[in-house]
PDB file of all heavy atoms in Angstrom:
ATOM      1  N   ARG A   1     167.333   6.580 197.631  1.00  0.00           N
ATOM      2  CA  ARG A   1     168.296   7.304 196.819  1.00  0.00           C
ATOM      3  C   ARG A   1     169.273   6.325 196.186  1.00  0.00           C
ATOM      4  O   ARG A   1     169.365   5.180 196.601  1.00  0.00           O
ATOM      5  CB  ARG A   1     169.097   8.321 197.674  1.00  0.00           C
ATOM      6  CG  ARG A   1     168.244   9.381 198.260  1.00  0.00           C
ATOM      7  CD  ARG A   1     169.007  10.438 199.036  1.00  0.00           C
ATOM      8  NE  ARG A   1     170.324  10.054 199.547  1.00  0.00           N
ATOM      9  CZ  ARG A   1     170.915  10.638 200.591  1.00  0.00           C
ATOM     10  NH1 ARG A   1     170.266  11.600 201.230  1.00  0.00           N
ATOM     11  NH2 ARG A   1     172.113  10.255 200.989  1.00  0.00           N
ATOM     12  N   GLU A   2     170.003   6.801 195.215  1.00  0.00           N
ATOM     13  CA  GLU A   2     170.961   5.924 194.524  1.00  0.00           C
ATOM     14  C   GLU A   2     172.035   5.377 195.485  1.00  0.00           C
ATOM     15  O   GLU A   2     172.489   4.261 195.341  1.00  0.00           O
ATOM     16  CB  GLU A   2     171.645   6.682 193.379  1.00  0.00           C
ATOM     17  CG  GLU A   2     170.734   6.917 192.182  1.00  0.00           C
ATOM     18  CD  GLU A   2     171.469   7.541 191.032  1.00  0.00           C
ATOM     19  OE1 GLU A   2     172.723   7.680 191.119  1.00  0.00           O
ATOM     20  OE2 GLU A   2     170.818   7.847 190.017  1.00  0.00           O
ATOM     21  N   ASP A   3     172.403   6.207 196.490  1.00  0.00           N
ATOM     22  CA  ASP A   3     173.413   5.737 197.439  1.00  0.00           C
ATOM     23  C   ASP A   3     172.806   4.877 198.545  1.00  0.00           C
ATOM     24  O   ASP A   3     173.519   4.397 199.432  1.00  0.00           O
ATOM     25  CB  ASP A   3     174.189   6.894 198.039  1.00  0.00           C
ATOM     26  CG  ASP A   3     173.300   7.882 198.810  1.00  0.00           C
ATOM     27  OD1 ASP A   3     172.115   7.573 199.036  1.00  0.00           O
ATOM     28  OD2 ASP A   3     173.813   8.943 199.198  1.00  0.00           O
ATOM     29  N   GLY A   4     171.472   4.689 198.536  1.00  0.00           N
ATOM     30  CA  GLY A   4     170.817   3.834 199.518  1.00  0.00           C
ATOM     31  C   GLY A   4     170.797   4.403 200.926  1.00  0.00           C
ATOM     32  O   GLY A   4     170.575   3.667 201.881  1.00  0.00           O
ATOM     33  N   ARG A   5     170.945   5.704 201.066  1.00  0.00           N
ATOM     34  CA  ARG A   5     171.051   6.291 202.412  1.00  0.00           C
ATOM     35  C   ARG A   5     169.869   7.172 202.791  1.00  0.00           C
ATOM     36  O   ARG A   5     169.940   7.980 203.701  1.00  0.00           O
ATOM     37  CB  ARG A   5     172.364   7.103 202.511  1.00  0.00           C
ATOM     38  CG  ARG A   5     173.604   6.240 202.290  1.00  0.00           C
ATOM     39  CD  ARG A   5     174.847   7.069 202.398  1.00  0.00           C
ATOM     40  NE  ARG A   5     175.033   7.644 203.735  1.00  0.00           N
ATOM     41  CZ  ARG A   5     176.019   8.475 204.096  1.00  0.00           C
ATOM     42  NH1 ARG A   5     176.909   8.832 203.171  1.00  0.00           N
ATOM     43  NH2 ARG A   5     176.085   8.931 205.322  1.00  0.00           N
ATOM     44  N   GLY A   6     168.787   7.030 202.101  1.00  0.00           N
ATOM     45  CA  GLY A   6     167.605   7.808 202.432  1.00  0.00           C
ATOM     46  C   GLY A   6     166.570   7.738 201.327  1.00  0.00           C
ATOM     47  O   GLY A   6     166.713   6.992 200.348  1.00  0.00           O
ATOM     48  N   VAL A   7     165.512   8.523 201.481  1.00  0.00           N
ATOM     49  CA  VAL A   7     164.408   8.558 200.492  1.00  0.00           C
ATOM     50  C   VAL A   7     164.872   9.351 199.273  1.00  0.00           C
ATOM     51  O   VAL A   7     165.439  10.433 199.390  1.00  0.00           O
ATOM     52  CB  VAL A   7     163.181   9.200 201.113  1.00  0.00           C
ATOM     53  CG1 VAL A   7     162.082   9.396 200.061  1.00  0.00           C
ATOM     54  CG2 VAL A   7     162.647   8.329 202.245  1.00  0.00           C
ATOM     55  N   GLY A   8     164.586   8.795 198.082  1.00  0.00           N
ATOM     56  CA  GLY A   8     164.976   9.464 196.850  1.00  0.00           C
ATOM     57  C   GLY A   8     163.832   9.744 195.901  1.00  0.00           C
ATOM     58  O   GLY A   8     163.909  10.640 195.065  1.00  0.00           O
ATOM     59  N   ALA A   9     162.723   8.979 196.035  1.00  0.00           N
ATOM     60  CA  ALA A   9     161.595   9.153 195.119  1.00  0.00           C
ATOM     61  C   ALA A   9     160.391   8.390 195.643  1.00  0.00           C
ATOM     62  O   ALA A   9     160.516   7.588 196.596  1.00  0.00           O
ATOM     63  CB  ALA A   9     161.962   8.650 193.713  1.00  0.00           C
ATOM     64  N   VAL A  10     159.253   8.624 195.036  1.00  0.00           N
ATOM     65  CA  VAL A  10     158.030   7.854 195.333  1.00  0.00           C
ATOM     66  C   VAL A  10     157.414   7.396 194.020  1.00  0.00           C
ATOM     67  O   VAL A  10     157.513   8.102 193.003  1.00  0.00           O
ATOM     68  CB  VAL A  10     156.995   8.679 196.133  1.00  0.00           C
ATOM     69  CG1 VAL A  10     157.504   8.943 197.542  1.00  0.00           C
ATOM     70  CG2 VAL A  10     156.682   9.999 195.430  1.00  0.00           C
ATOM     71  N   ARG A  11     156.817   6.229 194.067  1.00  0.00           N
ATOM     72  CA  ARG A  11     156.060   5.723 192.919  1.00  0.00           C
ATOM     73  C   ARG A  11     154.600   6.021 193.201  1.00  0.00           C
ATOM     74  O   ARG A  11     154.077   5.622 194.228  1.00  0.00           O
ATOM     75  CB  ARG A  11     156.273   4.226 192.726  1.00  0.00           C
ATOM     76  CG  ARG A  11     155.555   3.676 191.486  1.00  0.00           C
ATOM     77  CD  ARG A  11     156.034   2.262 191.128  1.00  0.00           C
ATOM     78  NE  ARG A  11     155.885   1.351 192.214  1.00  0.00           N
ATOM     79  CZ  ARG A  11     154.745   0.679 192.481  1.00  0.00           C
ATOM     80  NH1 ARG A  11     153.683   0.843 191.713  1.00  0.00           N
ATOM     81  NH2 ARG A  11     154.674  -0.151 193.487  1.00  0.00           N
ATOM     82  N   LEU A  12     153.945   6.747 192.281  1.00  0.00           N
ATOM     83  CA  LEU A  12     152.576   7.184 192.471  1.00  0.00           C
ATOM     84  C   LEU A  12     151.654   6.406 191.515  1.00  0.00           C
ATOM     85  O   LEU A  12     152.036   6.041 190.399  1.00  0.00           O
ATOM     86  CB  LEU A  12     152.450   8.689 192.141  1.00  0.00           C
ATOM     87  CG  LEU A  12     153.349   9.613 192.972  1.00  0.00           C
ATOM     88  CD1 LEU A  12     153.307  11.024 192.356  1.00  0.00           C
ATOM     89  CD2 LEU A  12     152.917   9.626 194.422  1.00  0.00           C
ATOM     90  N   THR A  13     150.437   6.161 192.006  1.00  0.00           N
ATOM     91  CA  THR A  13     149.410   5.514 191.151  1.00  0.00           C
ATOM     92  C   THR A  13     148.120   6.321 191.211  1.00  0.00           C
ATOM     93  O   THR A  13     147.866   6.984 192.203  1.00  0.00           O
ATOM     94  CB  THR A  13     149.115   4.064 191.620  1.00  0.00           C
ATOM     95  OG1 THR A  13     148.595   4.095 192.950  1.00  0.00           O
ATOM     96  CG2 THR A  13     150.357   3.211 191.551  1.00  0.00           C
ATOM     97  N   ALA A  14     147.356   6.260 190.150  1.00  0.00           N
ATOM     98  CA  ALA A  14     146.041   6.891 190.087  1.00  0.00           C
ATOM     99  C   ALA A  14     144.989   5.826 189.854  1.00  0.00           C
ATOM    100  O   ALA A  14     145.304   4.671 189.543  1.00  0.00           O
ATOM    101  CB  ALA A  14     146.020   7.944 188.972  1.00  0.00           C
ATOM    102  N   ALA A  15     143.732   6.215 189.982  1.00  0.00           N
ATOM    103  CA  ALA A  15     142.649   5.262 189.868  1.00  0.00           C
ATOM    104  C   ALA A  15     142.578   4.638 188.494  1.00  0.00           C
ATOM    105  O   ALA A  15     142.123   3.507 188.336  1.00  0.00           O
ATOM    106  CB  ALA A  15     141.316   5.952 190.182  1.00  0.00           C
ATOM    107  N   ASP A  16     143.070   5.324 187.465  1.00  0.00           N
ATOM    108  CA  ASP A  16     143.035   4.759 186.094  1.00  0.00           C
ATOM    109  C   ASP A  16     144.221   3.845 185.820  1.00  0.00           C
ATOM    110  O   ASP A  16     144.390   3.376 184.712  1.00  0.00           O
ATOM    111  CB  ASP A  16     142.984   5.879 185.082  1.00  0.00           C
ATOM    112  CG  ASP A  16     144.204   6.805 185.122  1.00  0.00           C
ATOM    113  OD1 ASP A  16     145.120   6.534 185.914  1.00  0.00           O
ATOM    114  OD2 ASP A  16     144.230   7.788 184.349  1.00  0.00           O
ATOM    115  N   GLY A  17     145.069   3.580 186.835  1.00  0.00           N
ATOM    116  CA  GLY A  17     146.199   2.702 186.673  1.00  0.00           C
ATOM    117  C   GLY A  17     147.472   3.383 186.250  1.00  0.00           C
ATOM    118  O   GLY A  17     148.521   2.758 186.154  1.00  0.00           O
ATOM    119  N   THR A  18     147.436   4.677 186.005  1.00  0.00           N
ATOM    120  CA  THR A  18     148.622   5.440 185.607  1.00  0.00           C
ATOM    121  C   THR A  18     149.639   5.419 186.740  1.00  0.00           C
ATOM    122  O   THR A  18     149.291   5.645 187.900  1.00  0.00           O
ATOM    123  CB  THR A  18     148.254   6.884 185.257  1.00  0.00           C
ATOM    124  OG1 THR A  18     147.284   6.875 184.224  1.00  0.00           O
ATOM    125  CG2 THR A  18     149.509   7.648 184.829  1.00  0.00           C
ATOM    126  N   GLU A  19     150.899   5.181 186.402  1.00  0.00           N
ATOM    127  CA  GLU A  19     151.989   5.198 187.395  1.00  0.00           C
ATOM    128  C   GLU A  19     153.038   6.237 186.968  1.00  0.00           C
ATOM    129  O   GLU A  19     153.360   6.367 185.807  1.00  0.00           O
ATOM    130  CB  GLU A  19     152.633   3.830 187.486  1.00  0.00           C
ATOM    131  CG  GLU A  19     151.795   2.783 188.188  1.00  0.00           C
ATOM    132  CD  GLU A  19     152.620   1.562 188.603  1.00  0.00           C
ATOM    133  OE1 GLU A  19     153.844   1.545 188.346  1.00  0.00           O
ATOM    134  OE2 GLU A  19     152.030   0.644 189.181  1.00  0.00           O
ATOM    135  N   THR A  20     153.537   6.957 187.950  1.00  0.00           N
ATOM    136  CA  THR A  20     154.625   7.902 187.717  1.00  0.00           C
ATOM    137  C   THR A  20     155.617   7.801 188.900  1.00  0.00           C
ATOM    138  O   THR A  20     155.220   7.361 189.983  1.00  0.00           O
ATOM    139  CB  THR A  20     154.124   9.351 187.618  1.00  0.00           C
ATOM    140  OG1 THR A  20     153.409   9.672 188.802  1.00  0.00           O
ATOM    141  CG2 THR A  20     153.236   9.542 186.400  1.00  0.00           C
ATOM    142  N   VAL A  21     156.816   8.211 188.668  1.00  0.00           N
ATOM    143  CA  VAL A  21     157.819   8.281 189.733  1.00  0.00           C
ATOM    144  C   VAL A  21     158.265   9.723 189.847  1.00  0.00           C
ATOM    145  O   VAL A  21     158.625  10.355 188.857  1.00  0.00           O
ATOM    146  CB  VAL A  21     159.031   7.379 189.420  1.00  0.00           C
ATOM    147  CG1 VAL A  21     160.149   7.597 190.444  1.00  0.00           C
ATOM    148  CG2 VAL A  21     158.599   5.900 189.383  1.00  0.00           C
ATOM    149  N   ARG A  22     158.188  10.247 191.077  1.00  0.00           N
ATOM    150  CA  ARG A  22     158.617  11.645 191.317  1.00  0.00           C
ATOM    151  C   ARG A  22     159.732  11.662 192.324  1.00  0.00           C
ATOM    152  O   ARG A  22     159.656  11.034 193.409  1.00  0.00           O
ATOM    153  CB  ARG A  22     157.405  12.441 191.863  1.00  0.00           C
ATOM    154  CG  ARG A  22     156.258  12.553 190.901  1.00  0.00           C
ATOM    155  CD  ARG A  22     156.528  13.509 189.731  1.00  0.00           C
ATOM    156  NE  ARG A  22     156.781  14.868 190.139  1.00  0.00           N
ATOM    157  CZ  ARG A  22     155.819  15.810 190.143  1.00  0.00           C
ATOM    158  NH1 ARG A  22     154.564  15.505 189.773  1.00  0.00           N
ATOM    159  NH2 ARG A  22     156.106  17.024 190.521  1.00  0.00           N
ATOM    160  N   PRO A  23     160.835  12.392 192.035  1.00  0.00           N
ATOM    161  CA  PRO A  23     161.927  12.501 192.999  1.00  0.00           C
ATOM    162  C   PRO A  23     161.540  13.384 194.178  1.00  0.00           C
ATOM    163  O   PRO A  23     160.934  14.452 193.986  1.00  0.00           O
ATOM    164  CB  PRO A  23     163.050  13.118 192.187  1.00  0.00           C
ATOM    165  CG  PRO A  23     162.362  13.849 191.077  1.00  0.00           C
ATOM    166  CD  PRO A  23     161.119  13.088 190.775  1.00  0.00           C
ATOM    167  N   VAL A  24     161.803  12.944 195.395  1.00  0.00           N
ATOM    168  CA  VAL A  24     161.558  13.725 196.627  1.00  0.00           C
ATOM    169  C   VAL A  24     162.669  13.396 197.612  1.00  0.00           C
ATOM    170  O   VAL A  24     163.297  12.340 197.539  1.00  0.00           O
ATOM    171  CB  VAL A  24     160.193  13.425 197.253  1.00  0.00           C
ATOM    172  CG1 VAL A  24     159.046  13.905 196.363  1.00  0.00           C
ATOM    173  CG2 VAL A  24     160.025  11.959 197.591  1.00  0.00           C
ATOM    174  N   ASP A  25     162.862  14.273 198.558  1.00  0.00           N
ATOM    175  CA  ASP A  25     163.831  14.044 199.643  1.00  0.00           C
ATOM    176  C   ASP A  25     163.188  13.526 200.898  1.00  0.00           C
ATOM    177  O   ASP A  25     163.879  13.021 201.801  1.00  0.00           O
ATOM    178  CB  ASP A  25     164.576  15.358 199.941  1.00  0.00           C
ATOM    179  CG  ASP A  25     165.329  15.890 198.755  1.00  0.00           C
ATOM    180  OD1 ASP A  25     166.164  15.147 198.203  1.00  0.00           O
ATOM    181  OD2 ASP A  25     165.055  17.060 198.346  1.00  0.00           O
ATOM    182  N   GLY A  26     161.868  13.670 201.016  1.00  0.00           N
ATOM    183  CA  GLY A  26     161.179  13.233 202.226  1.00  0.00           C
ATOM    184  C   GLY A  26     159.699  13.091 202.013  1.00  0.00           C
ATOM    185  O   GLY A  26     159.139  13.616 201.046  1.00  0.00           O
ATOM    186  N   LEU A  27     159.082  12.324 202.906  1.00  0.00           N
ATOM    187  CA  LEU A  27     157.647  12.061 202.827  1.00  0.00           C
ATOM    188  C   LEU A  27     157.033  12.234 204.205  1.00  0.00           C
ATOM    189  O   LEU A  27     157.584  11.813 205.209  1.00  0.00           O
ATOM    190  CB  LEU A  27     157.410  10.645 202.318  1.00  0.00           C
ATOM    191  CG  LEU A  27     155.957  10.184 202.191  1.00  0.00           C
ATOM    192  CD1 LEU A  27     155.836   9.180 201.064  1.00  0.00           C
ATOM    193  CD2 LEU A  27     155.408   9.556 203.486  1.00  0.00           C
ATOM    194  N   PHE A  28     155.850  12.903 204.233  1.00  0.00           N
ATOM    195  CA  PHE A  28     155.080  13.071 205.450  1.00  0.00           C
ATOM    196  C   PHE A  28     153.708  12.451 205.305  1.00  0.00           C
ATOM    197  O   PHE A  28     152.973  12.781 204.382  1.00  0.00           O
ATOM    198  CB  PHE A  28     154.937  14.569 205.779  1.00  0.00           C
ATOM    199  CG  PHE A  28     156.233  15.212 206.204  1.00  0.00           C
ATOM    200  CD1 PHE A  28     157.079  15.765 205.248  1.00  0.00           C
ATOM    201  CD2 PHE A  28     156.587  15.289 207.535  1.00  0.00           C
ATOM    202  CE1 PHE A  28     158.277  16.346 205.621  1.00  0.00           C
ATOM    203  CE2 PHE A  28     157.783  15.872 207.930  1.00  0.00           C
ATOM    204  CZ  PHE A  28     158.632  16.407 206.984  1.00  0.00           C
ATOM    205  N   ALA A  29     153.391  11.530 206.193  1.00  0.00           N
ATOM    206  CA  ALA A  29     152.067  10.916 206.196  1.00  0.00           C
ATOM    207  C   ALA A  29     151.155  11.757 207.083  1.00  0.00           C
ATOM    208  O   ALA A  29     151.353  11.822 208.298  1.00  0.00           O
ATOM    209  CB  ALA A  29     152.135   9.468 206.704  1.00  0.00           C
ATOM    210  N   CYS A  30     150.190  12.425 206.462  1.00  0.00           N
ATOM    211  CA  CYS A  30     149.272  13.332 207.198  1.00  0.00           C
ATOM    212  C   CYS A  30     147.871  12.748 207.130  1.00  0.00           C
ATOM    213  O   CYS A  30     146.963  13.288 206.456  1.00  0.00           O
ATOM    214  CB  CYS A  30     149.331  14.712 206.615  1.00  0.00           C
ATOM    215  SG  CYS A  30     150.955  15.503 206.677  1.00  0.00           S
ATOM    216  N   LEU A  31     147.664  11.630 207.811  1.00  0.00           N
ATOM    217  CA  LEU A  31     146.450  10.859 207.691  1.00  0.00           C
ATOM    218  C   LEU A  31     145.651  10.804 208.985  1.00  0.00           C
ATOM    219  O   LEU A  31     144.786   9.965 209.144  1.00  0.00           O
ATOM    220  CB  LEU A  31     146.783   9.407 207.249  1.00  0.00           C
ATOM    221  CG  LEU A  31     147.631   9.301 205.983  1.00  0.00           C
ATOM    222  CD1 LEU A  31     147.998   7.852 205.712  1.00  0.00           C
ATOM    223  CD2 LEU A  31     146.934   9.911 204.787  1.00  0.00           C
ATOM    224  N   GLY A  32     145.957  11.703 209.905  1.00  0.00           N
ATOM    225  CA  GLY A  32     145.270  11.673 211.205  1.00  0.00           C
ATOM    226  C   GLY A  32     145.885  10.660 212.140  1.00  0.00           C
ATOM    227  O   GLY A  32     146.984  10.120 211.911  1.00  0.00           O
ATOM    228  N   THR A  33     145.158  10.383 213.196  1.00  0.00           N
ATOM    229  CA  THR A  33     145.633   9.490 214.227  1.00  0.00           C
ATOM    230  C   THR A  33     144.604   8.392 214.522  1.00  0.00           C
ATOM    231  O   THR A  33     143.431   8.539 214.200  1.00  0.00           O
ATOM    232  CB  THR A  33     145.991  10.219 215.535  1.00  0.00           C
ATOM    233  OG1 THR A  33     144.786  10.887 216.005  1.00  0.00           O
ATOM    234  CG2 THR A  33     147.084  11.258 215.296  1.00  0.00           C
ATOM    235  N   ALA A  34     145.078   7.336 215.182  1.00  0.00           N
ATOM    236  CA  ALA A  34     144.213   6.232 215.607  1.00  0.00           C
ATOM    237  C   ALA A  34     144.656   5.790 216.989  1.00  0.00           C
ATOM    238  O   ALA A  34     145.812   6.018 217.374  1.00  0.00           O
ATOM    239  CB  ALA A  34     144.331   5.070 214.612  1.00  0.00           C
TER     240      ALA A  34
END
């Protein structure tokens, strides 16, 4: 975030190289376990 106190956005990429930035307040990694 702008105040540096938490998550404010994510930078996304696609297979064609396209990049976008989307504002979010939180992120959850749902990739299973190891």
